[in-house]
Amino acid sequence: MPAYVLPDHRARQEDYKNNIRAMVDMAEMNGIKVILASIPPMDRLYWQPDFRPAEVVRELNAWLRQFAAERRLVFADYYAVLSSATGSMKPEFTNDGVHPTYPGYAAMRPVFDASFTRTTSSAGAPPPKGS
């Protein structure tokens, strides 16, 4: 995902949103249940050190959360468990500020488990579209 998170490229952010919309549409047309997940926190990219993506990540995550609600999809908020107050990934969860390490994935596991359970259980799944 970080390939789409570029500074001052709103068109690329719109491309990202359109890609998410298209994937969700295709999945739903094929009877696939969807879990949307937040973009992990990051405040710098080691391959683009002058760019500070934290605000763009927050904006896209807000859009993902809203889109999930509109489409009645489960939203897995990994950002909430991985982020520091500055929008970076907590140092105990990463070696490079972008990719989670084993402890990062361990912190993500309960979020995944809860999201998976909500998606697969008839009682906890979001209602079908149009109901």
C-alpha atoms as a PDB file:
ATOM      1  CA  MET A   1       0.000   0.000   0.000  1.00  0.00           C
ATOM      2  CA  PRO A   2       2.701   2.564   0.652  1.00  0.00           C
ATOM      3  CA  ALA A   3       3.221   2.856  -3.116  1.00  0.00           C
ATOM      4  CA  TYR A   4      -0.055   4.832  -3.212  1.00  0.00           C
ATOM      5  CA  VAL A   5       0.769   7.032  -0.254  1.00  0.00           C
ATOM      6  CA  LEU A   6       2.710   9.800  -1.955  1.00  0.00           C
ATOM      7  CA  PRO A   7       2.949  13.477  -1.046  1.00  0.00           C
ATOM      8  CA  ASP A   8       0.567  15.923  -2.708  1.00  0.00           C
ATOM      9  CA  HIS A   9      -0.719  13.396  -5.185  1.00  0.00           C
ATOM     10  CA  ARG A  10      -4.455  13.550  -4.512  1.00  0.00           C
ATOM     11  CA  ALA A  11      -5.065  11.843  -7.861  1.00  0.00           C
ATOM     12  CA  ARG A  12      -3.084   8.841  -6.620  1.00  0.00           C
ATOM     13  CA  GLN A  13      -5.089   8.806  -3.407  1.00  0.00           C
ATOM     14  CA  GLU A  14      -8.244   8.804  -5.515  1.00  0.00           C
ATOM     15  CA  ASP A  15      -6.773   5.912  -7.557  1.00  0.00           C
ATOM     16  CA  TYR A  16      -6.233   4.052  -4.283  1.00  0.00           C
ATOM     17  CA  LYS A  17      -9.858   4.636  -3.271  1.00  0.00           C
ATOM     18  CA  ASN A  18     -11.116   3.557  -6.694  1.00  0.00           C
ATOM     19  CA  ASN A  19      -9.026   0.373  -6.461  1.00  0.00           C
ATOM     20  CA  ILE A  20     -10.514  -0.432  -3.043  1.00  0.00           C
ATOM     21  CA  ARG A  21     -14.029   0.215  -4.364  1.00  0.00           C
ATOM     22  CA  ALA A  22     -13.405  -2.050  -7.360  1.00  0.00           C
ATOM     23  CA  MET A  23     -11.963  -4.881  -5.252  1.00  0.00           C
ATOM     24  CA  VAL A  24     -14.900  -4.730  -2.840  1.00  0.00           C
ATOM     25  CA  ASP A  25     -17.382  -4.722  -5.718  1.00  0.00           C
ATOM     26  CA  MET A  26     -15.674  -7.716  -7.353  1.00  0.00           C
ATOM     27  CA  ALA A  27     -15.518  -9.626  -4.086  1.00  0.00           C
ATOM     28  CA  GLU A  28     -19.179  -9.008  -3.309  1.00  0.00           C
ATOM     29  CA  MET A  29     -20.264  -9.965  -6.838  1.00  0.00           C
ATOM     30  CA  ASN A  30     -18.505 -13.281  -6.268  1.00  0.00           C
ATOM     31  CA  GLY A  31     -19.966 -13.921  -2.832  1.00  0.00           C
ATOM     32  CA  ILE A  32     -16.729 -13.180  -0.978  1.00  0.00           C
ATOM     33  CA  LYS A  33     -17.024 -11.573   2.443  1.00  0.00           C
ATOM     34  CA  VAL A  34     -14.739  -8.573   2.825  1.00  0.00           C
ATOM     35  CA  ILE A  35     -12.745  -7.297   5.771  1.00  0.00           C
ATOM     36  CA  LEU A  36     -11.238  -3.879   5.134  1.00  0.00           C
ATOM     37  CA  ALA A  37      -8.118  -3.145   7.148  1.00  0.00           C
ATOM     38  CA  SER A  38      -6.472   0.127   8.031  1.00  0.00           C
ATOM     39  CA  ILE A  39      -3.128   1.129   6.612  1.00  0.00           C
ATOM     40  CA  PRO A  40      -0.474   0.594   9.290  1.00  0.00           C
ATOM     41  CA  PRO A  41       0.970   3.732  10.885  1.00  0.00           C
ATOM     42  CA  MET A  42       4.123   5.273   9.500  1.00  0.00           C
ATOM     43  CA  ASP A  43       5.653   8.701   9.774  1.00  0.00           C
ATOM     44  CA  ARG A  44       8.524   8.243   7.352  1.00  0.00           C
ATOM     45  CA  LEU A  45       9.543   5.932   4.554  1.00  0.00           C
ATOM     46  CA  TYR A  46      13.163   4.843   4.517  1.00  0.00           C
ATOM     47  CA  TRP A  47      13.168   4.922   0.701  1.00  0.00           C
ATOM     48  CA  GLN A  48      11.641   8.438   0.639  1.00  0.00           C
ATOM     49  CA  PRO A  49      13.112  10.118   3.745  1.00  0.00           C
ATOM     50  CA  ASP A  50      11.785  13.639   3.067  1.00  0.00           C
ATOM     51  CA  PHE A  51       8.178  12.507   2.895  1.00  0.00           C
ATOM     52  CA  ARG A  52       6.137  12.358   6.091  1.00  0.00           C
ATOM     53  CA  PRO A  53       3.127  10.126   5.328  1.00  0.00           C
ATOM     54  CA  ALA A  54       1.436  10.157   8.756  1.00  0.00           C
ATOM     55  CA  GLU A  55      -1.285  12.644   7.768  1.00  0.00           C
ATOM     56  CA  VAL A  56      -2.006  10.915   4.451  1.00  0.00           C
ATOM     57  CA  VAL A  57      -2.274   7.580   6.271  1.00  0.00           C
ATOM     58  CA  ARG A  58      -4.708   9.100   8.781  1.00  0.00           C
ATOM     59  CA  GLU A  59      -6.807  10.583   5.947  1.00  0.00           C
ATOM     60  CA  LEU A  60      -6.928   7.311   4.011  1.00  0.00           C
ATOM     61  CA  ASN A  61      -7.738   5.345   7.152  1.00  0.00           C
ATOM     62  CA  ALA A  62     -10.624   7.713   7.903  1.00  0.00           C
ATOM     63  CA  TRP A  63     -11.882   7.137   4.370  1.00  0.00           C
ATOM     64  CA  LEU A  64     -11.489   3.341   4.715  1.00  0.00           C
ATOM     65  CA  ARG A  65     -13.443   3.372   7.986  1.00  0.00           C
ATOM     66  CA  GLN A  66     -16.215   5.498   6.436  1.00  0.00           C
ATOM     67  CA  PHE A  67     -16.325   3.343   3.281  1.00  0.00           C
ATOM     68  CA  ALA A  68     -16.528   0.177   5.381  1.00  0.00           C
ATOM     69  CA  ALA A  69     -19.453   1.654   7.334  1.00  0.00           C
ATOM     70  CA  GLU A  70     -21.239   2.758   4.161  1.00  0.00           C
ATOM     71  CA  ARG A  71     -20.852  -0.698   2.631  1.00  0.00           C
ATOM     72  CA  ARG A  72     -21.562  -2.498   5.926  1.00  0.00           C
ATOM     73  CA  LEU A  73     -18.172  -4.177   5.927  1.00  0.00           C
ATOM     74  CA  VAL A  74     -16.071  -5.192   8.902  1.00  0.00           C
ATOM     75  CA  PHE A  75     -13.159  -2.803   9.480  1.00  0.00           C
ATOM     76  CA  ALA A  76      -9.984  -4.153  11.077  1.00  0.00           C
ATOM     77  CA  ASP A  77      -8.286  -1.176  12.727  1.00  0.00           C
ATOM     78  CA  TYR A  78      -4.660  -2.256  12.982  1.00  0.00           C
ATOM     79  CA  TYR A  79      -3.628   1.400  13.079  1.00  0.00           C
ATOM     80  CA  ALA A  80      -5.182   1.805  16.530  1.00  0.00           C
ATOM     81  CA  VAL A  81      -3.060  -0.925  18.117  1.00  0.00           C
ATOM     82  CA  LEU A  82       0.201  -0.150  16.285  1.00  0.00           C
ATOM     83  CA  SER A  83       0.383   3.654  16.304  1.00  0.00           C
ATOM     84  CA  SER A  84       2.111   6.098  18.577  1.00  0.00           C
ATOM     85  CA  ALA A  85       0.771   9.582  19.316  1.00  0.00           C
ATOM     86  CA  THR A  86       2.821  10.995  16.412  1.00  0.00           C
ATOM     87  CA  GLY A  87       1.395   8.625  13.807  1.00  0.00           C
ATOM     88  CA  SER A  88       4.473   6.437  13.643  1.00  0.00           C
ATOM     89  CA  MET A  89       4.452   2.740  14.329  1.00  0.00           C
ATOM     90  CA  LYS A  90       5.403   2.060  17.927  1.00  0.00           C
ATOM     91  CA  PRO A  91       9.112   1.137  17.982  1.00  0.00           C
ATOM     92  CA  GLU A  92       8.433  -2.153  19.761  1.00  0.00           C
ATOM     93  CA  PHE A  93       6.433  -3.279  16.701  1.00  0.00           C
ATOM     94  CA  THR A  94       8.835  -2.431  13.858  1.00  0.00           C
ATOM     95  CA  ASN A  95      12.472  -2.380  12.811  1.00  0.00           C
ATOM     96  CA  ASP A  96      12.090   0.086   9.937  1.00  0.00           C
ATOM     97  CA  GLY A  97       9.069   2.198  10.888  1.00  0.00           C
ATOM     98  CA  VAL A  98       6.908   0.664   8.149  1.00  0.00           C
ATOM     99  CA  HIS A  99       6.739  -3.117   8.439  1.00  0.00           C
ATOM    100  CA  PRO A 100       5.555  -4.920  11.567  1.00  0.00           C
ATOM    101  CA  THR A 101       7.848  -7.381  13.306  1.00  0.00           C
ATOM    102  CA  TYR A 102       6.674 -10.514  15.110  1.00  0.00           C
ATOM    103  CA  PRO A 103       5.526  -8.476  18.152  1.00  0.00           C
ATOM    104  CA  GLY A 104       3.657  -6.155  15.770  1.00  0.00           C
ATOM    105  CA  TYR A 105       1.848  -9.076  14.172  1.00  0.00           C
ATOM    106  CA  ALA A 106       1.115 -10.446  17.641  1.00  0.00           C
ATOM    107  CA  ALA A 107      -0.519  -7.101  18.527  1.00  0.00           C
ATOM    108  CA  MET A 108      -2.539  -7.279  15.293  1.00  0.00           C
ATOM    109  CA  ARG A 109      -3.772 -10.822  15.922  1.00  0.00           C
ATOM    110  CA  PRO A 110      -6.666  -9.985  18.286  1.00  0.00           C
ATOM    111  CA  VAL A 111      -7.906  -7.363  15.801  1.00  0.00           C
ATOM    112  CA  PHE A 112      -7.837  -9.944  13.022  1.00  0.00           C
ATOM    113  CA  ASP A 113      -9.497 -12.613  15.145  1.00  0.00           C
ATOM    114  CA  ALA A 114     -12.354 -10.296  16.132  1.00  0.00           C
ATOM    115  CA  SER A 115     -12.811  -9.115  12.531  1.00  0.00           C
ATOM    116  CA  PHE A 116     -12.775 -12.652  11.176  1.00  0.00           C
ATOM    117  CA  THR A 117     -15.300 -13.794  13.776  1.00  0.00           C
ATOM    118  CA  ARG A 118     -17.637 -10.885  12.975  1.00  0.00           C
ATOM    119  CA  THR A 119     -17.385 -11.634   9.260  1.00  0.00           C
ATOM    120  CA  THR A 120     -17.950 -15.368   9.497  1.00  0.00           C
ATOM    121  CA  SER A 121     -20.573 -15.596  12.248  1.00  0.00           C
ATOM    122  CA  SER A 122     -24.156 -15.107  11.206  1.00  0.00           C
ATOM    123  CA  ALA A 123     -24.934 -13.185  14.395  1.00  0.00           C
ATOM    124  CA  GLY A 124     -21.950 -10.850  14.228  1.00  0.00           C
ATOM    125  CA  ALA A 125     -21.732 -10.235  10.487  1.00  0.00           C
ATOM    126  CA  PRO A 126     -22.832  -6.874   9.169  1.00  0.00           C
ATOM    127  CA  PRO A 127     -26.323  -6.942   7.659  1.00  0.00           C
ATOM    128  CA  PRO A 128     -26.512  -7.495   3.889  1.00  0.00           C
ATOM    129  CA  LYS A 129     -26.490  -4.402   1.693  1.00  0.00           C
ATOM    130  CA  GLY A 130     -29.930  -2.960   1.219  1.00  0.00           C
ATOM    131  CA  SER A 131     -31.409  -4.305   4.439  1.00  0.00           C
END
